Amino acid sequence: MNQEEIRSLEITNYPVAGVDEVGRGCLFGEVVAAAVILPIDKLTYLEELGVTDSKKLSPQRREKLDLLIREVAIACAIGTASVEEIDEMNILAASLLAMERAIAQLNPQPKLCLIDGNQLLRFKLIPSIPQTTVVKGDSLSISIASASIVAKVWRDRRMVELAEIYTGYDIATNKGYGTPKHRQAIAKLGYSDLHRKTFKIKEVITSQSLL
């Protein structure tokens, strides 16, 4: 689908929730999802302000847009899946669960969910809602892009808070991703209780210890 087709979906199926997750590829911490319902008359406004895929924005820009999105949104919610859930069910299932948890908190509930990526939600917690997956949705849909920004800002703040407790892993800087410094810290300090044990950290430790 292109941007025009997605915008048409957002208008004809209103209210529509854009849904995205962040932290899927991290070695540390929960996976976080956001679901956002925007007023139709604010879609162009947010687009003109520069709302797009959160990965394309600076941290400072994301913070400002997060505030604007929350101000105009009809509904906005965060859902998470814990490290234990990630290790128990795998990261894909945990990401989908976090998305559903975010949607479940929306009031009103959407008539359609636009899901970033190519995986449909499994709706184990709430009655099924019509959904459309959108590959690279955070670059094509303002609703999904807004969710990507809200989720990213929320999770980054959470990582900064946790960095004060889980010292030595450079979490405030790497936000849980497997940077060389983070991997070296794992090799030296071992796992914390918030490291994802099913991710290939052992191989990382082995390779780093040979450096």
N, C-alpha and C. Protein backbone atom coordinates (compact mmCIF):
# COMPACT_ATOMS: atom_id res chain seq x y z
N MET A 1 0.83 -1.21 0.00
CA MET A 1 0.00 0.00 0.00
C MET A 1 0.86 1.25 0.00
N ASN A 2 0.35 2.30 -0.61
CA ASN A 2 1.06 3.56 -0.59
C ASN A 2 0.40 4.50 0.43
N GLN A 3 0.95 5.70 0.56
CA GLN A 3 0.46 6.62 1.58
C GLN A 3 -0.98 7.03 1.34
N GLU A 4 -1.36 7.21 0.08
CA GLU A 4 -2.74 7.61 -0.22
C GLU A 4 -3.73 6.52 0.17
N GLU A 5 -3.39 5.28 -0.11
CA GLU A 5 -4.27 4.16 0.24
C GLU A 5 -4.40 4.03 1.76
N ILE A 6 -3.31 4.23 2.46
CA ILE A 6 -3.34 4.15 3.92
C ILE A 6 -4.16 5.29 4.50
N ARG A 7 -3.98 6.49 3.98
CA ARG A 7 -4.76 7.63 4.46
C ARG A 7 -6.26 7.39 4.24
N SER A 8 -6.60 6.78 3.11
CA SER A 8 -8.00 6.45 2.83
C SER A 8 -8.54 5.46 3.87
N LEU A 9 -7.72 4.46 4.24
CA LEU A 9 -8.13 3.52 5.28
C LEU A 9 -8.36 4.23 6.61
N GLU A 10 -7.46 5.15 6.93
CA GLU A 10 -7.57 5.87 8.20
C GLU A 10 -8.85 6.70 8.27
N ILE A 11 -9.28 7.21 7.12
CA ILE A 11 -10.47 8.05 7.07
C ILE A 11 -11.75 7.22 7.05
N THR A 12 -11.79 6.20 6.20
CA THR A 12 -13.03 5.43 6.02
C THR A 12 -13.31 4.48 7.17
N ASN A 13 -12.30 4.12 7.96
CA ASN A 13 -12.48 3.17 9.07
C ASN A 13 -12.36 3.83 10.44
N TYR A 14 -12.44 5.15 10.48
CA TYR A 14 -12.25 5.89 11.71
C TYR A 14 -13.19 5.40 12.83
N PRO A 15 -12.68 5.27 14.09
CA PRO A 15 -11.32 5.56 14.53
C PRO A 15 -10.34 4.41 14.27
N VAL A 16 -9.16 4.76 13.82
CA VAL A 16 -8.12 3.79 13.48
C VAL A 16 -6.94 3.96 14.44
N ALA A 17 -6.40 2.85 14.90
CA ALA A 17 -5.22 2.89 15.77
C ALA A 17 -3.97 2.51 14.98
N GLY A 18 -2.96 3.35 15.05
CA GLY A 18 -1.64 2.98 14.56
C GLY A 18 -0.90 2.28 15.67
N VAL A 19 -0.24 1.17 15.35
CA VAL A 19 0.40 0.36 16.39
C VAL A 19 1.82 0.00 15.96
N ASP A 20 2.77 0.21 16.86
CA ASP A 20 4.17 -0.12 16.57
C ASP A 20 4.88 -0.51 17.86
N GLU A 21 6.01 -1.21 17.71
CA GLU A 21 6.78 -1.63 18.87
C GLU A 21 8.22 -1.14 18.74
N VAL A 22 8.91 -1.14 19.86
CA VAL A 22 10.32 -0.76 19.89
C VAL A 22 11.04 -1.65 20.89
N GLY A 23 12.31 -1.92 20.61
CA GLY A 23 13.11 -2.73 21.53
C GLY A 23 13.15 -4.20 21.18
N ARG A 24 12.66 -4.54 20.00
CA ARG A 24 12.60 -5.95 19.61
C ARG A 24 14.00 -6.56 19.50
N GLY A 25 14.97 -5.79 19.04
CA GLY A 25 16.31 -6.34 18.83
C GLY A 25 17.27 -6.12 19.99
N CYS A 26 16.77 -5.66 21.13
CA CYS A 26 17.64 -5.37 22.27
C CYS A 26 18.08 -6.64 22.99
N LEU A 27 19.16 -6.53 23.70
CA LEU A 27 19.61 -7.61 24.58
C LEU A 27 19.07 -7.46 25.99
N PHE A 28 18.59 -6.27 26.32
CA PHE A 28 18.21 -5.92 27.70
C PHE A 28 16.85 -5.24 27.70
N GLY A 29 16.01 -5.63 28.64
CA GLY A 29 14.78 -4.91 28.89
C GLY A 29 13.57 -5.41 28.13
N GLU A 30 12.42 -4.92 28.57
CA GLU A 30 11.14 -5.31 28.00
C GLU A 30 10.98 -4.76 26.58
N VAL A 31 10.07 -5.37 25.84
CA VAL A 31 9.68 -4.84 24.54
C VAL A 31 8.45 -3.96 24.77
N VAL A 32 8.42 -2.83 24.08
CA VAL A 32 7.40 -1.81 24.34
C VAL A 32 6.63 -1.51 23.05
N ALA A 33 5.33 -1.39 23.18
CA ALA A 33 4.48 -1.04 22.04
C ALA A 33 3.61 0.16 22.40
N ALA A 34 3.22 0.90 21.38
CA ALA A 34 2.28 2.00 21.57
C ALA A 34 1.15 1.86 20.55
N ALA A 35 -0.03 2.28 20.95
CA ALA A 35 -1.19 2.35 20.06
C ALA A 35 -1.74 3.77 20.16
N VAL A 36 -1.97 4.38 19.00
CA VAL A 36 -2.37 5.79 18.97
C VAL A 36 -3.54 5.97 18.01
N ILE A 37 -4.59 6.64 18.47
CA ILE A 37 -5.70 7.04 17.61
C ILE A 37 -5.64 8.55 17.45
N LEU A 38 -5.55 9.01 16.22
CA LEU A 38 -5.44 10.44 15.93
C LEU A 38 -6.73 10.96 15.29
N PRO A 39 -7.05 12.23 15.54
CA PRO A 39 -8.17 12.83 14.82
C PRO A 39 -7.83 12.95 13.33
N ILE A 40 -8.79 12.72 12.48
CA ILE A 40 -8.54 12.79 11.05
C ILE A 40 -8.00 14.17 10.65
N ASP A 41 -8.54 15.21 11.27
CA ASP A 41 -8.14 16.57 10.86
C ASP A 41 -6.75 16.96 11.37
N LYS A 42 -6.07 16.06 12.11
CA LYS A 42 -4.72 16.34 12.59
C LYS A 42 -3.65 15.54 11.84
N LEU A 43 -4.06 14.66 10.94
CA LEU A 43 -3.08 13.82 10.25
C LEU A 43 -2.13 14.65 9.41
N THR A 44 -2.67 15.55 8.61
CA THR A 44 -1.82 16.41 7.78
C THR A 44 -0.98 17.35 8.63
N TYR A 45 -1.59 17.86 9.69
CA TYR A 45 -0.87 18.75 10.62
C TYR A 45 0.37 18.07 11.19
N LEU A 46 0.21 16.83 11.65
CA LEU A 46 1.35 16.11 12.22
C LEU A 46 2.38 15.76 11.15
N GLU A 47 1.90 15.44 9.96
CA GLU A 47 2.81 15.15 8.86
C GLU A 47 3.68 16.37 8.55
N GLU A 48 3.06 17.53 8.53
CA GLU A 48 3.79 18.77 8.24
C GLU A 48 4.78 19.11 9.34
N LEU A 49 4.50 18.68 10.56
CA LEU A 49 5.43 18.92 11.68
C LEU A 49 6.63 17.98 11.66
N GLY A 50 6.55 16.95 10.80
CA GLY A 50 7.69 16.05 10.66
C GLY A 50 7.53 14.70 11.32
N VAL A 51 6.30 14.33 11.68
CA VAL A 51 6.09 13.00 12.26
C VAL A 51 6.40 11.94 11.21
N THR A 52 7.32 11.05 11.55
CA THR A 52 7.74 9.98 10.67
C THR A 52 8.35 8.87 11.51
N ASP A 53 8.92 7.89 10.87
CA ASP A 53 9.59 6.79 11.56
C ASP A 53 10.52 7.34 12.65
N SER A 54 10.35 6.89 13.88
CA SER A 54 11.12 7.43 15.01
C SER A 54 12.62 7.26 14.81
N LYS A 55 13.03 6.23 14.08
CA LYS A 55 14.46 5.98 13.87
C LYS A 55 15.11 7.08 13.02
N LYS A 56 14.31 7.84 12.30
CA LYS A 56 14.83 8.90 11.45
C LYS A 56 14.93 10.24 12.17
N LEU A 57 14.54 10.27 13.42
CA LEU A 57 14.48 11.52 14.18
C LEU A 57 15.52 11.54 15.30
N SER A 58 15.99 12.73 15.63
CA SER A 58 16.90 12.87 16.76
C SER A 58 16.13 12.70 18.06
N PRO A 59 16.82 12.34 19.13
CA PRO A 59 16.12 12.21 20.42
C PRO A 59 15.36 13.48 20.82
N GLN A 60 15.96 14.63 20.57
CA GLN A 60 15.31 15.89 20.93
C GLN A 60 14.04 16.10 20.11
N ARG A 61 14.10 15.76 18.83
CA ARG A 61 12.92 15.93 17.97
C ARG A 61 11.82 14.95 18.38
N ARG A 62 12.21 13.73 18.71
CA ARG A 62 11.22 12.75 19.17
C ARG A 62 10.51 13.23 20.42
N GLU A 63 11.25 13.80 21.35
CA GLU A 63 10.64 14.28 22.59
C GLU A 63 9.60 15.35 22.31
N LYS A 64 9.91 16.27 21.42
CA LYS A 64 8.97 17.35 21.10
C LYS A 64 7.73 16.80 20.39
N LEU A 65 7.95 15.90 19.44
CA LEU A 65 6.81 15.33 18.71
C LEU A 65 5.95 14.44 19.60
N ASP A 66 6.58 13.76 20.55
CA ASP A 66 5.83 12.94 21.50
C ASP A 66 4.82 13.80 22.26
N LEU A 67 5.24 14.95 22.70
CA LEU A 67 4.33 15.86 23.41
C LEU A 67 3.18 16.31 22.52
N LEU A 68 3.51 16.66 21.27
CA LEU A 68 2.48 17.12 20.34
C LEU A 68 1.48 16.01 20.01
N ILE A 69 2.01 14.81 19.80
CA ILE A 69 1.14 13.67 19.50
C ILE A 69 0.18 13.41 20.65
N ARG A 70 0.70 13.40 21.86
CA ARG A 70 -0.13 13.14 23.04
C ARG A 70 -1.17 14.24 23.24
N GLU A 71 -0.83 15.47 22.87
CA GLU A 71 -1.76 16.59 23.01
C GLU A 71 -2.97 16.44 22.09
N VAL A 72 -2.73 15.99 20.85
CA VAL A 72 -3.83 15.95 19.87
C VAL A 72 -4.50 14.58 19.78
N ALA A 73 -3.87 13.54 20.29
CA ALA A 73 -4.41 12.18 20.14
C ALA A 73 -5.75 12.03 20.85
N ILE A 74 -6.63 11.29 20.23
CA ILE A 74 -7.91 10.92 20.87
C ILE A 74 -7.65 9.87 21.95
N ALA A 75 -6.74 8.97 21.67
CA ALA A 75 -6.35 7.94 22.63
C ALA A 75 -4.91 7.53 22.36
N CYS A 76 -4.21 7.22 23.42
CA CYS A 76 -2.79 6.84 23.30
C CYS A 76 -2.45 5.92 24.47
N ALA A 77 -1.85 4.78 24.19
CA ALA A 77 -1.57 3.83 25.27
C ALA A 77 -0.27 3.07 24.99
N ILE A 78 0.35 2.64 26.08
CA ILE A 78 1.58 1.85 26.04
C ILE A 78 1.29 0.44 26.53
N GLY A 79 1.88 -0.55 25.87
CA GLY A 79 1.82 -1.93 26.32
C GLY A 79 3.22 -2.51 26.33
N THR A 80 3.49 -3.39 27.25
CA THR A 80 4.82 -3.98 27.34
C THR A 80 4.73 -5.50 27.48
N ALA A 81 5.83 -6.16 27.18
CA ALA A 81 6.00 -7.58 27.50
C ALA A 81 7.35 -7.72 28.19
N SER A 82 7.37 -8.44 29.27
CA SER A 82 8.55 -8.52 30.12
C SER A 82 9.64 -9.39 29.52
N VAL A 83 10.82 -9.28 30.11
CA VAL A 83 11.94 -10.13 29.70
C VAL A 83 11.58 -11.60 29.90
N GLU A 84 10.89 -11.92 30.99
CA GLU A 84 10.49 -13.31 31.24
C GLU A 84 9.56 -13.80 30.14
N GLU A 85 8.64 -12.95 29.71
CA GLU A 85 7.72 -13.34 28.63
C GLU A 85 8.45 -13.48 27.31
N ILE A 86 9.40 -12.61 27.07
CA ILE A 86 10.21 -12.71 25.84
C ILE A 86 10.94 -14.05 25.80
N ASP A 87 11.58 -14.40 26.91
CA ASP A 87 12.34 -15.64 26.96
C ASP A 87 11.44 -16.87 26.91
N GLU A 88 10.24 -16.74 27.43
CA GLU A 88 9.33 -17.88 27.47
C GLU A 88 8.67 -18.13 26.12
N MET A 89 8.23 -17.08 25.44
CA MET A 89 7.41 -17.27 24.24
C MET A 89 8.08 -16.86 22.94
N ASN A 90 9.23 -16.23 22.98
CA ASN A 90 10.02 -15.69 21.87
C ASN A 90 9.66 -14.23 21.62
N ILE A 91 10.57 -13.50 20.99
CA ILE A 91 10.44 -12.06 20.87
C ILE A 91 9.27 -11.66 19.96
N LEU A 92 9.00 -12.43 18.92
CA LEU A 92 7.88 -12.08 18.03
C LEU A 92 6.56 -12.15 18.78
N ALA A 93 6.31 -13.26 19.45
CA ALA A 93 5.06 -13.42 20.19
C ALA A 93 4.94 -12.36 21.29
N ALA A 94 6.05 -12.05 21.95
CA ALA A 94 6.03 -11.04 23.01
C ALA A 94 5.74 -9.65 22.44
N SER A 95 6.29 -9.35 21.26
CA SER A 95 6.03 -8.06 20.62
C SER A 95 4.55 -7.92 20.27
N LEU A 96 3.96 -8.99 19.73
CA LEU A 96 2.55 -8.96 19.39
C LEU A 96 1.68 -8.82 20.64
N LEU A 97 2.11 -9.46 21.73
CA LEU A 97 1.40 -9.35 23.00
C LEU A 97 1.45 -7.92 23.52
N ALA A 98 2.61 -7.30 23.44
CA ALA A 98 2.75 -5.91 23.89
C ALA A 98 1.84 -4.99 23.08
N MET A 99 1.76 -5.24 21.77
CA MET A 99 0.87 -4.44 20.92
C MET A 99 -0.58 -4.60 21.34
N GLU A 100 -0.99 -5.85 21.58
CA GLU A 100 -2.38 -6.08 21.99
C GLU A 100 -2.67 -5.42 23.34
N ARG A 101 -1.72 -5.47 24.25
CA ARG A 101 -1.92 -4.83 25.55
C ARG A 101 -2.10 -3.32 25.40
N ALA A 102 -1.38 -2.72 24.45
CA ALA A 102 -1.54 -1.29 24.20
C ALA A 102 -2.93 -1.00 23.65
N ILE A 103 -3.35 -1.78 22.67
CA ILE A 103 -4.68 -1.59 22.06
C ILE A 103 -5.79 -1.76 23.10
N ALA A 104 -5.62 -2.72 23.98
CA ALA A 104 -6.65 -3.02 24.98
C ALA A 104 -6.95 -1.83 25.88
N GLN A 105 -5.99 -0.93 26.03
CA GLN A 105 -6.17 0.22 26.92
C GLN A 105 -6.80 1.42 26.23
N LEU A 106 -6.96 1.35 24.92
CA LEU A 106 -7.49 2.50 24.19
C LEU A 106 -8.97 2.72 24.49
N ASN A 107 -9.35 3.96 24.65
CA ASN A 107 -10.76 4.34 24.83
C ASN A 107 -11.00 5.63 24.04
N PRO A 108 -11.71 5.53 22.92
CA PRO A 108 -12.50 4.39 22.44
C PRO A 108 -11.64 3.30 21.82
N GLN A 109 -12.21 2.13 21.67
CA GLN A 109 -11.54 1.07 20.93
C GLN A 109 -11.62 1.38 19.43
N PRO A 110 -10.58 1.05 18.68
CA PRO A 110 -10.57 1.36 17.25
C PRO A 110 -11.45 0.41 16.44
N LYS A 111 -11.84 0.86 15.27
CA LYS A 111 -12.55 -0.01 14.32
C LYS A 111 -11.57 -0.77 13.44
N LEU A 112 -10.34 -0.26 13.37
CA LEU A 112 -9.29 -0.90 12.56
C LEU A 112 -7.95 -0.60 13.21
N CYS A 113 -7.07 -1.59 13.20
CA CYS A 113 -5.70 -1.41 13.68
C CYS A 113 -4.74 -1.50 12.49
N LEU A 114 -3.88 -0.51 12.36
CA LEU A 114 -2.81 -0.55 11.38
C LEU A 114 -1.55 -0.98 12.11
N ILE A 115 -1.05 -2.16 11.76
CA ILE A 115 0.07 -2.78 12.48
C ILE A 115 1.34 -2.65 11.65
N ASP A 116 2.37 -2.09 12.24
CA ASP A 116 3.65 -2.00 11.52
C ASP A 116 4.24 -3.39 11.34
N GLY A 117 4.70 -3.68 10.12
CA GLY A 117 5.32 -4.97 9.84
C GLY A 117 4.41 -5.88 9.03
N ASN A 118 4.66 -7.18 9.13
CA ASN A 118 3.89 -8.15 8.33
C ASN A 118 3.25 -9.25 9.17
N GLN A 119 3.20 -9.04 10.49
CA GLN A 119 2.65 -10.06 11.38
C GLN A 119 1.33 -9.59 11.99
N LEU A 120 0.28 -10.37 11.79
CA LEU A 120 -1.02 -10.05 12.37
C LEU A 120 -1.03 -10.34 13.87
N LEU A 121 -1.78 -9.53 14.61
CA LEU A 121 -1.95 -9.78 16.04
C LEU A 121 -2.82 -11.03 16.24
N ARG A 122 -2.63 -11.68 17.38
CA ARG A 122 -3.32 -12.94 17.65
C ARG A 122 -4.56 -12.76 18.52
N PHE A 123 -4.73 -11.59 19.13
CA PHE A 123 -5.91 -11.24 19.93
C PHE A 123 -6.30 -12.34 20.91
N LYS A 124 -5.45 -12.50 21.92
CA LYS A 124 -5.70 -13.47 22.98
C LYS A 124 -6.32 -12.81 24.21
N LEU A 125 -6.27 -11.48 24.28
CA LEU A 125 -6.72 -10.77 25.47
C LEU A 125 -8.05 -10.06 25.28
N ILE A 126 -8.30 -9.57 24.08
CA ILE A 126 -9.51 -8.81 23.80
C ILE A 126 -10.16 -9.37 22.54
N PRO A 127 -11.44 -9.07 22.32
CA PRO A 127 -12.08 -9.52 21.07
C PRO A 127 -11.33 -9.01 19.85
N SER A 128 -11.33 -9.82 18.81
CA SER A 128 -10.59 -9.45 17.60
C SER A 128 -11.10 -8.15 17.01
N ILE A 129 -10.16 -7.34 16.55
CA ILE A 129 -10.45 -6.09 15.86
C ILE A 129 -9.88 -6.23 14.45
N PRO A 130 -10.59 -5.77 13.42
CA PRO A 130 -10.02 -5.81 12.06
C PRO A 130 -8.64 -5.15 12.05
N GLN A 131 -7.71 -5.77 11.33
CA GLN A 131 -6.35 -5.25 11.32
C GLN A 131 -5.74 -5.36 9.93
N THR A 132 -4.84 -4.44 9.66
CA THR A 132 -4.10 -4.42 8.40
C THR A 132 -2.63 -4.24 8.73
N THR A 133 -1.79 -5.14 8.23
CA THR A 133 -0.35 -4.99 8.43
C THR A 133 0.21 -4.09 7.33
N VAL A 134 1.19 -3.28 7.70
CA VAL A 134 1.79 -2.35 6.75
C VAL A 134 3.31 -2.44 6.88
N VAL A 135 3.95 -3.04 5.89
CA VAL A 135 5.41 -3.11 5.90
C VAL A 135 5.97 -1.70 5.74
N LYS A 136 6.93 -1.38 6.61
CA LYS A 136 7.49 -0.02 6.67
C LYS A 136 6.39 1.00 6.98
N GLY A 137 5.44 0.57 7.79
CA GLY A 137 4.30 1.42 8.12
C GLY A 137 4.68 2.71 8.81
N ASP A 138 5.78 2.69 9.58
CA ASP A 138 6.17 3.91 10.28
C ASP A 138 6.68 4.99 9.34
N SER A 139 6.89 4.64 8.06
CA SER A 139 7.25 5.63 7.06
C SER A 139 6.07 5.99 6.15
N LEU A 140 4.99 5.20 6.24
CA LEU A 140 3.86 5.38 5.32
C LEU A 140 2.60 5.88 6.01
N SER A 141 2.45 5.62 7.29
CA SER A 141 1.24 6.00 8.02
C SER A 141 1.59 6.93 9.17
N ILE A 142 0.90 8.06 9.23
CA ILE A 142 1.12 9.00 10.33
C ILE A 142 0.70 8.37 11.66
N SER A 143 -0.33 7.56 11.64
CA SER A 143 -0.79 6.91 12.88
C SER A 143 0.28 5.94 13.40
N ILE A 144 0.85 5.14 12.50
CA ILE A 144 1.89 4.19 12.92
C ILE A 144 3.15 4.95 13.33
N ALA A 145 3.50 5.98 12.56
CA ALA A 145 4.69 6.77 12.89
C ALA A 145 4.54 7.40 14.27
N SER A 146 3.35 7.88 14.57
CA SER A 146 3.10 8.46 15.90
C SER A 146 3.29 7.42 16.99
N ALA A 147 2.80 6.21 16.74
CA ALA A 147 2.98 5.13 17.71
C ALA A 147 4.45 4.80 17.88
N SER A 148 5.21 4.83 16.80
CA SER A 148 6.64 4.52 16.89
C SER A 148 7.37 5.55 17.73
N ILE A 149 6.98 6.81 17.61
CA ILE A 149 7.61 7.87 18.39
C ILE A 149 7.24 7.74 19.87
N VAL A 150 5.96 7.55 20.15
CA VAL A 150 5.50 7.43 21.54
C VAL A 150 6.18 6.24 22.22
N ALA A 151 6.25 5.11 21.53
CA ALA A 151 6.88 3.92 22.11
C ALA A 151 8.37 4.13 22.35
N LYS A 152 9.04 4.74 21.38
CA LYS A 152 10.48 4.97 21.49
C LYS A 152 10.82 5.91 22.64
N VAL A 153 10.09 7.00 22.74
CA VAL A 153 10.36 7.96 23.82
C VAL A 153 10.10 7.32 25.17
N TRP A 154 9.01 6.57 25.30
CA TRP A 154 8.69 5.92 26.57
C TRP A 154 9.78 4.92 26.95
N ARG A 155 10.19 4.10 26.00
CA ARG A 155 11.18 3.07 26.32
C ARG A 155 12.55 3.69 26.62
N ASP A 156 12.94 4.71 25.87
CA ASP A 156 14.23 5.36 26.13
C ASP A 156 14.28 5.94 27.53
N ARG A 157 13.20 6.56 27.95
CA ARG A 157 13.15 7.10 29.31
C ARG A 157 13.26 5.98 30.35
N ARG A 158 12.60 4.88 30.06
CA ARG A 158 12.66 3.73 30.97
C ARG A 158 14.10 3.20 31.06
N MET A 159 14.80 3.16 29.94
CA MET A 159 16.17 2.67 29.94
C MET A 159 17.09 3.58 30.75
N VAL A 160 16.88 4.88 30.66
CA VAL A 160 17.69 5.83 31.44
C VAL A 160 17.45 5.61 32.93
N GLU A 161 16.21 5.35 33.31
CA GLU A 161 15.90 5.07 34.72
C GLU A 161 16.58 3.78 35.17
N LEU A 162 16.50 2.75 34.35
CA LEU A 162 17.07 1.46 34.73
C LEU A 162 18.60 1.49 34.76
N ALA A 163 19.19 2.40 33.97
CA ALA A 163 20.65 2.51 33.93
C ALA A 163 21.23 2.89 35.29
N GLU A 164 20.43 3.58 36.11
CA GLU A 164 20.89 3.97 37.44
C GLU A 164 20.92 2.77 38.39
N ILE A 165 20.13 1.75 38.06
CA ILE A 165 20.08 0.54 38.89
C ILE A 165 21.04 -0.51 38.34
N TYR A 166 21.02 -0.68 37.02
CA TYR A 166 21.86 -1.69 36.36
C TYR A 166 23.09 -0.99 35.79
N THR A 167 23.99 -0.68 36.69
CA THR A 167 25.17 0.08 36.30
C THR A 167 26.21 -0.83 35.62
N GLY A 168 27.05 -0.22 34.83
CA GLY A 168 28.15 -0.95 34.20
C GLY A 168 27.89 -1.41 32.78
N TYR A 169 26.62 -1.38 32.36
CA TYR A 169 26.27 -1.88 31.03
C TYR A 169 26.07 -0.76 29.99
N ASP A 170 26.21 0.49 30.43
CA ASP A 170 26.05 1.64 29.53
C ASP A 170 24.64 1.71 28.95
N ILE A 171 23.65 1.31 29.75
CA ILE A 171 22.27 1.23 29.27
C ILE A 171 21.70 2.60 28.89
N ALA A 172 22.11 3.65 29.61
CA ALA A 172 21.59 5.00 29.30
C ALA A 172 21.96 5.41 27.89
N THR A 173 23.09 4.93 27.41
CA THR A 173 23.55 5.29 26.06
C THR A 173 23.04 4.32 25.02
N ASN A 174 23.18 3.02 25.28
CA ASN A 174 22.83 2.03 24.24
C ASN A 174 21.36 1.63 24.25
N LYS A 175 20.63 2.03 25.29
CA LYS A 175 19.19 1.74 25.41
C LYS A 175 18.89 0.24 25.33
N GLY A 176 19.87 -0.58 25.71
CA GLY A 176 19.66 -2.02 25.73
C GLY A 176 20.11 -2.75 24.49
N TYR A 177 20.52 -2.01 23.47
CA TYR A 177 20.97 -2.66 22.23
C TYR A 177 22.40 -3.18 22.40
N GLY A 178 22.77 -4.11 21.53
CA GLY A 178 24.02 -4.84 21.69
C GLY A 178 25.23 -4.14 21.12
N THR A 179 25.53 -2.96 21.61
CA THR A 179 26.72 -2.24 21.18
C THR A 179 27.97 -2.97 21.67
N PRO A 180 29.12 -2.70 21.07
CA PRO A 180 30.36 -3.34 21.55
C PRO A 180 30.60 -3.13 23.04
N LYS A 181 30.37 -1.91 23.52
CA LYS A 181 30.58 -1.63 24.94
C LYS A 181 29.63 -2.44 25.82
N HIS A 182 28.39 -2.58 25.36
CA HIS A 182 27.41 -3.36 26.11
C HIS A 182 27.81 -4.84 26.13
N ARG A 183 28.24 -5.36 25.01
CA ARG A 183 28.64 -6.75 24.93
C ARG A 183 29.88 -7.03 25.79
N GLN A 184 30.79 -6.10 25.78
CA GLN A 184 31.99 -6.25 26.61
C GLN A 184 31.62 -6.26 28.10
N ALA A 185 30.62 -5.43 28.46
CA ALA A 185 30.16 -5.40 29.85
C ALA A 185 29.52 -6.72 30.25
N ILE A 186 28.78 -7.31 29.32
CA ILE A 186 28.18 -8.63 29.60
C ILE A 186 29.27 -9.67 29.80
N ALA A 187 30.32 -9.59 28.97
CA ALA A 187 31.43 -10.53 29.12
C ALA A 187 32.11 -10.39 30.48
N LYS A 188 32.17 -9.17 30.97
CA LYS A 188 32.84 -8.90 32.24
C LYS A 188 31.94 -9.13 33.45
N LEU A 189 30.69 -8.66 33.37
CA LEU A 189 29.80 -8.65 34.52
C LEU A 189 28.80 -9.80 34.53
N GLY A 190 28.60 -10.41 33.36
CA GLY A 190 27.60 -11.46 33.25
C GLY A 190 26.21 -10.90 33.02
N TYR A 191 25.21 -11.78 33.08
CA TYR A 191 23.83 -11.38 32.85
C TYR A 191 23.27 -10.63 34.06
N SER A 192 22.42 -9.68 33.81
CA SER A 192 21.55 -9.15 34.86
C SER A 192 20.20 -9.86 34.71
N ASP A 193 19.30 -9.61 35.65
CA ASP A 193 18.00 -10.27 35.56
C ASP A 193 17.12 -9.65 34.47
N LEU A 194 17.57 -8.55 33.87
CA LEU A 194 16.81 -7.94 32.79
C LEU A 194 17.46 -8.16 31.42
N HIS A 195 18.44 -9.03 31.36
CA HIS A 195 18.99 -9.42 30.06
C HIS A 195 18.19 -10.61 29.52
N ARG A 196 17.97 -10.60 28.23
CA ARG A 196 17.18 -11.65 27.58
C ARG A 196 18.05 -12.89 27.39
N LYS A 197 17.79 -13.90 28.16
CA LYS A 197 18.66 -15.07 28.18
C LYS A 197 18.58 -15.90 26.90
N THR A 198 17.47 -15.82 26.20
CA THR A 198 17.34 -16.61 24.97
C THR A 198 17.98 -15.93 23.77
N PHE A 199 18.38 -14.66 23.92
CA PHE A 199 19.12 -14.02 22.84
C PHE A 199 20.55 -14.54 22.86
N LYS A 200 21.24 -14.42 21.77
CA LYS A 200 22.54 -15.08 21.63
C LYS A 200 23.66 -14.29 22.32
N ILE A 201 23.48 -14.12 23.63
CA ILE A 201 24.47 -13.37 24.39
C ILE A 201 25.70 -14.24 24.67
N LYS A 202 25.50 -15.56 24.82
CA LYS A 202 26.65 -16.43 25.10
C LYS A 202 27.66 -16.37 23.97
N GLU A 203 27.15 -16.39 22.73
CA GLU A 203 28.06 -16.29 21.60
C GLU A 203 28.77 -14.94 21.58
N VAL A 204 28.03 -13.91 22.00
CA VAL A 204 28.60 -12.57 22.09
C VAL A 204 29.74 -12.56 23.10
N ILE A 205 29.50 -13.17 24.26
CA ILE A 205 30.52 -13.22 25.30
C ILE A 205 31.76 -13.95 24.78
N THR A 206 31.55 -15.07 24.11
CA THR A 206 32.67 -15.84 23.59
C THR A 206 33.48 -15.03 22.61
N SER A 207 32.80 -14.36 21.69
CA SER A 207 33.51 -13.61 20.67
C SER A 207 34.24 -12.41 21.28
N GLN A 208 33.61 -11.77 22.28
CA GLN A 208 34.24 -10.62 22.90
C GLN A 208 35.46 -11.04 23.73
N SER A 209 35.39 -12.20 24.36
CA SER A 209 36.50 -12.62 25.22
C SER A 209 37.74 -12.98 24.41
N LEU A 210 37.54 -13.17 23.09
CA LEU A 210 38.68 -13.47 22.25
C LEU A 210 39.38 -12.21 21.75
N LEU A 211 38.77 -11.04 22.00
CA LEU A 211 39.37 -9.78 21.52
C LEU A 211 40.55 -9.38 22.36
